[in-house]
Amino acid sequence: MEDAAIDSTVRYHAGKLAEGDEEGFARQVAFNAFSHAWIAANGTMEANASRDSGAGMRYARVPSGRETCLFCLMLASRGFAYRSASSAGGQGHRFHKGCDCVVVAGPAGSTLGGYDPQALYDRWQEGVDLKASERAERNGTSEAEERAKIMAQYQASSKRAKQKAKSAR
C-alpha cells in the first residue's frame, strides 16, 4: 500500500479518537496492521513459489477461519487447481474487504492439513441452499428460482474475477 493511502486511512480512523472512541480507533488500526502483514506474507509466498513455477506449481485459495463468505467457499472448494497466485486470489489475494483467505502454493495434487476442498464445497452448497430458501420465503418465489439466480450471480462474479486475473498478468 502506498504511503499516501496509509496516511489517509490513519487520518480517517483518527476521527474516532477525536470522538473519544479509543477502542474503535485501536480496533481499526490493529485490523489494518494485520491486513498489511497478511498481504506481505502472501507476497513472500508468491515470490518463492514463482521461482519454482516450472515444477508444476499450483495454487489453492484457503480460508483462514476468521471470515469466509460463500463466494470464497466456492473458490476455495476448487483445491490446488489455480495455475497462478493471481488467479487464486487476485492482487493482494483479496476479493472483498475483510477477506482473510490465503493463497497457498504446492505441486499439482497437493494436500494440506485441515484443508478439505470437498467439505468446503459441501458448506458452499449448504449456504447457497439456505440463502435460496430465505430469498424464496421473502420474495414469494420457489427455492429453485432463487437458487438459479444465486448461481447466475456466482457465475458472473467468477467470470469477472477471471477477467481481472487475466488482465493482471
C-alpha atoms as a PDB file:
ATOM      1  CA  MET A   1       0.000   0.000   0.000  1.00  0.00           C
ATOM      2  CA  GLU A   2       1.240   3.455  -0.874  1.00  0.00           C
ATOM      3  CA  ASP A   3       2.278   5.819   1.923  1.00  0.00           C
ATOM      4  CA  ALA A   4      -0.447   8.283   0.922  1.00  0.00           C
ATOM      5  CA  ALA A   5      -3.133   5.583   1.229  1.00  0.00           C
ATOM      6  CA  ILE A   6      -1.845   4.536   4.654  1.00  0.00           C
ATOM      7  CA  ASP A   7      -1.757   8.174   5.758  1.00  0.00           C
ATOM      8  CA  SER A   8      -5.329   8.691   4.520  1.00  0.00           C
ATOM      9  CA  THR A   9      -6.557   5.569   6.324  1.00  0.00           C
ATOM     10  CA  VAL A  10      -4.917   6.553   9.607  1.00  0.00           C
ATOM     11  CA  ARG A  11      -6.285  10.090   9.356  1.00  0.00           C
ATOM     12  CA  TYR A  12      -9.774   8.722   8.720  1.00  0.00           C
ATOM     13  CA  HIS A  13      -9.616   6.437  11.748  1.00  0.00           C
ATOM     14  CA  ALA A  14      -8.061   9.194  13.873  1.00  0.00           C
ATOM     15  CA  GLY A  15     -11.510  10.766  13.733  1.00  0.00           C
ATOM     16  CA  LYS A  16     -12.549   8.055  16.163  1.00  0.00           C
ATOM     17  CA  LEU A  17     -10.036   9.421  18.657  1.00  0.00           C
ATOM     18  CA  ALA A  18     -11.431  12.926  18.240  1.00  0.00           C
ATOM     19  CA  GLU A  19     -14.877  11.496  19.043  1.00  0.00           C
ATOM     20  CA  GLY A  20     -13.492   9.736  22.134  1.00  0.00           C
ATOM     21  CA  ASP A  21     -13.712   6.234  20.632  1.00  0.00           C
ATOM     22  CA  GLU A  22     -10.243   4.994  21.582  1.00  0.00           C
ATOM     23  CA  GLU A  23     -11.331   1.356  21.393  1.00  0.00           C
ATOM     24  CA  GLY A  24     -12.723   1.818  17.863  1.00  0.00           C
ATOM     25  CA  PHE A  25      -9.511   3.524  16.750  1.00  0.00           C
ATOM     26  CA  ALA A  26      -7.337   0.768  18.234  1.00  0.00           C
ATOM     27  CA  ARG A  27      -9.516  -1.952  16.670  1.00  0.00           C
ATOM     28  CA  GLN A  28      -9.310  -0.393  13.172  1.00  0.00           C
ATOM     29  CA  VAL A  29      -5.570   0.275  13.358  1.00  0.00           C
ATOM     30  CA  ALA A  30      -4.971  -3.305  14.542  1.00  0.00           C
ATOM     31  CA  PHE A  31      -7.141  -4.660  11.713  1.00  0.00           C
ATOM     32  CA  ASN A  32      -5.235  -2.604   9.136  1.00  0.00           C
ATOM     33  CA  ALA A  33      -1.849  -3.677  10.551  1.00  0.00           C
ATOM     34  CA  PHE A  34      -2.954  -7.322  10.431  1.00  0.00           C
ATOM     35  CA  SER A  35      -4.210  -6.866   6.877  1.00  0.00           C
ATOM     36  CA  HIS A  36      -0.915  -5.359   5.658  1.00  0.00           C
ATOM     37  CA  ALA A  37       1.117  -8.101   7.351  1.00  0.00           C
ATOM     38  CA  TRP A  38      -1.158 -10.715   5.741  1.00  0.00           C
ATOM     39  CA  ILE A  39      -0.616  -9.201   2.294  1.00  0.00           C
ATOM     40  CA  ALA A  40       3.163  -9.081   2.810  1.00  0.00           C
ATOM     41  CA  ALA A  41       3.265 -12.736   3.886  1.00  0.00           C
ATOM     42  CA  ASN A  42       1.287 -13.751   0.816  1.00  0.00           C
ATOM     43  CA  GLY A  43       3.634 -11.703  -1.369  1.00  0.00           C
ATOM     44  CA  THR A  44       6.629 -13.568   0.050  1.00  0.00           C
ATOM     45  CA  MET A  45       4.937 -16.914  -0.589  1.00  0.00           C
ATOM     46  CA  GLU A  46       4.106 -15.879  -4.139  1.00  0.00           C
ATOM     47  CA  ALA A  47       7.693 -14.807  -4.860  1.00  0.00           C
ATOM     48  CA  ASN A  48       9.064 -18.094  -3.521  1.00  0.00           C
ATOM     49  CA  ALA A  49       6.538 -20.152  -5.470  1.00  0.00           C
ATOM     50  CA  SER A  50       7.185 -18.271  -8.710  1.00  0.00           C
ATOM     51  CA  ARG A  51      10.820 -19.409  -8.547  1.00  0.00           C
ATOM     52  CA  ASP A  52       9.509 -22.987  -8.716  1.00  0.00           C
ATOM     53  CA  SER A  53       6.804 -22.379 -11.326  1.00  0.00           C
ATOM     54  CA  GLY A  54       8.433 -24.737 -13.817  1.00  0.00           C
ATOM     55  CA  ALA A  55       7.926 -27.635 -11.402  1.00  0.00           C
ATOM     56  CA  GLY A  56       4.148 -27.790 -11.999  1.00  0.00           C
ATOM     57  CA  MET A  57       3.291 -25.457  -9.150  1.00  0.00           C
ATOM     58  CA  ARG A  58      -0.432 -24.979  -8.483  1.00  0.00           C
ATOM     59  CA  TYR A  59      -2.228 -22.703  -6.070  1.00  0.00           C
ATOM     60  CA  ALA A  60      -5.181 -23.084  -3.728  1.00  0.00           C
ATOM     61  CA  ARG A  61      -7.314 -20.455  -2.041  1.00  0.00           C
ATOM     62  CA  VAL A  62      -7.508 -21.474   1.624  1.00  0.00           C
ATOM     63  CA  PRO A  63      -9.901 -19.845   4.109  1.00  0.00           C
ATOM     64  CA  SER A  64      -8.110 -18.986   7.338  1.00  0.00           C
ATOM     65  CA  GLY A  65     -11.196 -19.109   9.520  1.00  0.00           C
ATOM     66  CA  ARG A  66     -11.847 -15.526  10.596  1.00  0.00           C
ATOM     67  CA  GLU A  67     -14.425 -14.797   7.908  1.00  0.00           C
ATOM     68  CA  THR A  68     -15.355 -16.950   4.952  1.00  0.00           C
ATOM     69  CA  CYS A  69     -18.136 -15.767   2.689  1.00  0.00           C
ATOM     70  CA  LEU A  70     -19.980 -18.055   0.286  1.00  0.00           C
ATOM     71  CA  PHE A  71     -18.042 -16.703  -2.700  1.00  0.00           C
ATOM     72  CA  CYS A  72     -14.719 -17.553  -1.025  1.00  0.00           C
ATOM     73  CA  LEU A  73     -16.025 -21.022  -0.092  1.00  0.00           C
ATOM     74  CA  MET A  74     -16.836 -21.597  -3.760  1.00  0.00           C
ATOM     75  CA  LEU A  75     -13.344 -20.519  -4.854  1.00  0.00           C
ATOM     76  CA  ALA A  76     -11.622 -22.479  -2.087  1.00  0.00           C
ATOM     77  CA  SER A  77     -13.529 -25.652  -2.961  1.00  0.00           C
ATOM     78  CA  ARG A  78     -11.549 -25.946  -6.206  1.00  0.00           C
ATOM     79  CA  GLY A  79      -8.426 -27.130  -4.365  1.00  0.00           C
ATOM     80  CA  PHE A  80      -4.980 -26.799  -5.946  1.00  0.00           C
ATOM     81  CA  ALA A  81      -6.496 -26.007  -9.342  1.00  0.00           C
ATOM     82  CA  TYR A  82      -5.250 -22.482  -9.948  1.00  0.00           C
ATOM     83  CA  ARG A  83      -2.250 -22.039 -12.263  1.00  0.00           C
ATOM     84  CA  SER A  84      -1.162 -18.723 -10.771  1.00  0.00           C
ATOM     85  CA  ALA A  85      -1.337 -16.971  -7.438  1.00  0.00           C
ATOM     86  CA  SER A  86      -3.165 -14.167  -9.213  1.00  0.00           C
ATOM     87  CA  SER A  87      -5.927 -16.455 -10.450  1.00  0.00           C
ATOM     88  CA  ALA A  88      -6.273 -17.975  -6.981  1.00  0.00           C
ATOM     89  CA  GLY A  89      -6.835 -14.678  -5.306  1.00  0.00           C
ATOM     90  CA  GLY A  90      -6.114 -11.620  -7.331  1.00  0.00           C
ATOM     91  CA  GLN A  91      -3.652  -8.944  -6.354  1.00  0.00           C
ATOM     92  CA  GLY A  92      -3.213  -8.988  -2.599  1.00  0.00           C
ATOM     93  CA  HIS A  93      -5.206 -12.242  -2.588  1.00  0.00           C
ATOM     94  CA  ARG A  94      -8.409 -10.461  -1.695  1.00  0.00           C
ATOM     95  CA  PHE A  95     -11.745 -10.293  -3.441  1.00  0.00           C
ATOM     96  CA  HIS A  96     -13.512  -8.233  -0.809  1.00  0.00           C
ATOM     97  CA  LYS A  97     -12.855  -6.139   2.287  1.00  0.00           C
ATOM     98  CA  GLY A  98     -12.113  -8.342   5.272  1.00  0.00           C
ATOM     99  CA  CYS A  99     -11.255 -11.357   3.108  1.00  0.00           C
ATOM    100  CA  ASP A 100      -8.787 -13.492   5.042  1.00  0.00           C
ATOM    101  CA  CYS A 101      -8.193 -16.265   2.537  1.00  0.00           C
ATOM    102  CA  VAL A 102      -4.592 -17.299   1.984  1.00  0.00           C
ATOM    103  CA  VAL A 103      -3.198 -18.396  -1.354  1.00  0.00           C
ATOM    104  CA  VAL A 104      -1.054 -21.492  -0.849  1.00  0.00           C
ATOM    105  CA  ALA A 105       1.335 -22.928  -3.426  1.00  0.00           C
ATOM    106  CA  GLY A 106       2.028 -26.606  -3.966  1.00  0.00           C
ATOM    107  CA  PRO A 107       2.603 -29.163  -6.692  1.00  0.00           C
ATOM    108  CA  ALA A 108      -0.479 -30.400  -8.549  1.00  0.00           C
ATOM    109  CA  GLY A 109      -2.378 -32.876  -6.370  1.00  0.00           C
ATOM    110  CA  SER A 110      -1.092 -31.341  -3.125  1.00  0.00           C
ATOM    111  CA  THR A 111      -2.890 -31.825   0.151  1.00  0.00           C
ATOM    112  CA  LEU A 112      -2.832 -29.537   3.133  1.00  0.00           C
ATOM    113  CA  GLY A 113      -3.741 -30.490   6.693  1.00  0.00           C
ATOM    114  CA  GLY A 114      -7.124 -29.073   7.657  1.00  0.00           C
ATOM    115  CA  TYR A 115      -7.926 -28.032   4.080  1.00  0.00           C
ATOM    116  CA  ASP A 116     -10.649 -30.205   2.585  1.00  0.00           C
ATOM    117  CA  PRO A 117     -11.966 -28.857  -0.746  1.00  0.00           C
ATOM    118  CA  GLN A 118     -14.900 -31.313  -0.764  1.00  0.00           C
ATOM    119  CA  ALA A 119     -16.011 -30.186   2.700  1.00  0.00           C
ATOM    120  CA  LEU A 120     -15.730 -26.557   1.561  1.00  0.00           C
ATOM    121  CA  TYR A 121     -17.837 -27.378  -1.496  1.00  0.00           C
ATOM    122  CA  ASP A 122     -20.466 -29.000   0.709  1.00  0.00           C
ATOM    123  CA  ARG A 123     -20.517 -25.948   3.015  1.00  0.00           C
ATOM    124  CA  TRP A 124     -20.866 -23.683  -0.001  1.00  0.00           C
ATOM    125  CA  GLN A 125     -23.815 -25.711  -1.322  1.00  0.00           C
ATOM    126  CA  GLU A 126     -25.496 -25.651   2.115  1.00  0.00           C
ATOM    127  CA  GLY A 127     -25.019 -21.890   2.249  1.00  0.00           C
ATOM    128  CA  VAL A 128     -26.496 -21.427  -1.220  1.00  0.00           C
ATOM    129  CA  ASP A 129     -29.475 -23.600  -0.276  1.00  0.00           C
ATOM    130  CA  LEU A 130     -30.062 -21.578   2.903  1.00  0.00           C
ATOM    131  CA  LYS A 131     -29.761 -18.287   1.021  1.00  0.00           C
ATOM    132  CA  ALA A 132     -32.191 -19.536  -1.673  1.00  0.00           C
ATOM    133  CA  SER A 133     -34.673 -20.658   0.977  1.00  0.00           C
ATOM    134  CA  GLU A 134     -34.536 -17.283   2.760  1.00  0.00           C
ATOM    135  CA  ARG A 135     -34.956 -15.366  -0.501  1.00  0.00           C
ATOM    136  CA  ALA A 136     -37.823 -17.609  -1.657  1.00  0.00           C
ATOM    137  CA  GLU A 137     -39.699 -17.040   1.580  1.00  0.00           C
ATOM    138  CA  ARG A 138     -39.093 -13.292   1.450  1.00  0.00           C
ATOM    139  CA  ASN A 139     -39.917 -12.919  -2.280  1.00  0.00           C
ATOM    140  CA  GLY A 140     -42.741 -15.451  -2.570  1.00  0.00           C
ATOM    141  CA  THR A 141     -40.827 -17.462  -5.165  1.00  0.00           C
ATOM    142  CA  SER A 142     -39.567 -21.027  -5.299  1.00  0.00           C
ATOM    143  CA  GLU A 143     -36.235 -22.133  -3.874  1.00  0.00           C
ATOM    144  CA  ALA A 144     -35.270 -23.434  -7.331  1.00  0.00           C
ATOM    145  CA  GLU A 145     -35.840 -19.989  -8.878  1.00  0.00           C
ATOM    146  CA  GLU A 146     -33.793 -18.276  -6.188  1.00  0.00           C
ATOM    147  CA  ARG A 147     -31.024 -20.896  -6.408  1.00  0.00           C
ATOM    148  CA  ALA A 148     -30.814 -20.324 -10.179  1.00  0.00           C
ATOM    149  CA  LYS A 149     -30.496 -16.555  -9.600  1.00  0.00           C
ATOM    150  CA  ILE A 150     -27.782 -17.074  -6.981  1.00  0.00           C
ATOM    151  CA  MET A 151     -25.825 -19.421  -9.244  1.00  0.00           C
ATOM    152  CA  ALA A 152     -26.067 -16.902 -12.109  1.00  0.00           C
ATOM    153  CA  GLN A 153     -24.626 -14.248  -9.772  1.00  0.00           C
ATOM    154  CA  TYR A 154     -21.749 -16.547  -8.829  1.00  0.00           C
ATOM    155  CA  GLN A 155     -21.047 -17.317 -12.472  1.00  0.00           C
ATOM    156  CA  ALA A 156     -20.956 -13.606 -13.297  1.00  0.00           C
ATOM    157  CA  SER A 157     -18.683 -12.907 -10.301  1.00  0.00           C
ATOM    158  CA  SER A 158     -16.393 -15.764 -11.244  1.00  0.00           C
ATOM    159  CA  LYS A 159     -16.196 -14.515 -14.832  1.00  0.00           C
ATOM    160  CA  ARG A 160     -15.273 -11.001 -13.619  1.00  0.00           C
ATOM    161  CA  ALA A 161     -12.634 -12.439 -11.281  1.00  0.00           C
ATOM    162  CA  LYS A 162     -11.094 -14.464 -14.134  1.00  0.00           C
ATOM    163  CA  GLN A 163     -11.009 -11.382 -16.348  1.00  0.00           C
ATOM    164  CA  LYS A 164      -9.403  -9.366 -13.556  1.00  0.00           C
ATOM    165  CA  ALA A 165      -6.755 -12.068 -13.008  1.00  0.00           C
ATOM    166  CA  LYS A 166      -6.087 -12.278 -16.736  1.00  0.00           C
ATOM    167  CA  SER A 167      -5.602  -8.523 -17.033  1.00  0.00           C
ATOM    168  CA  ALA A 168      -3.215  -8.555 -14.035  1.00  0.00           C
ATOM    169  CA  ARG A 169      -0.785 -10.848 -15.860  1.00  0.00           C
END
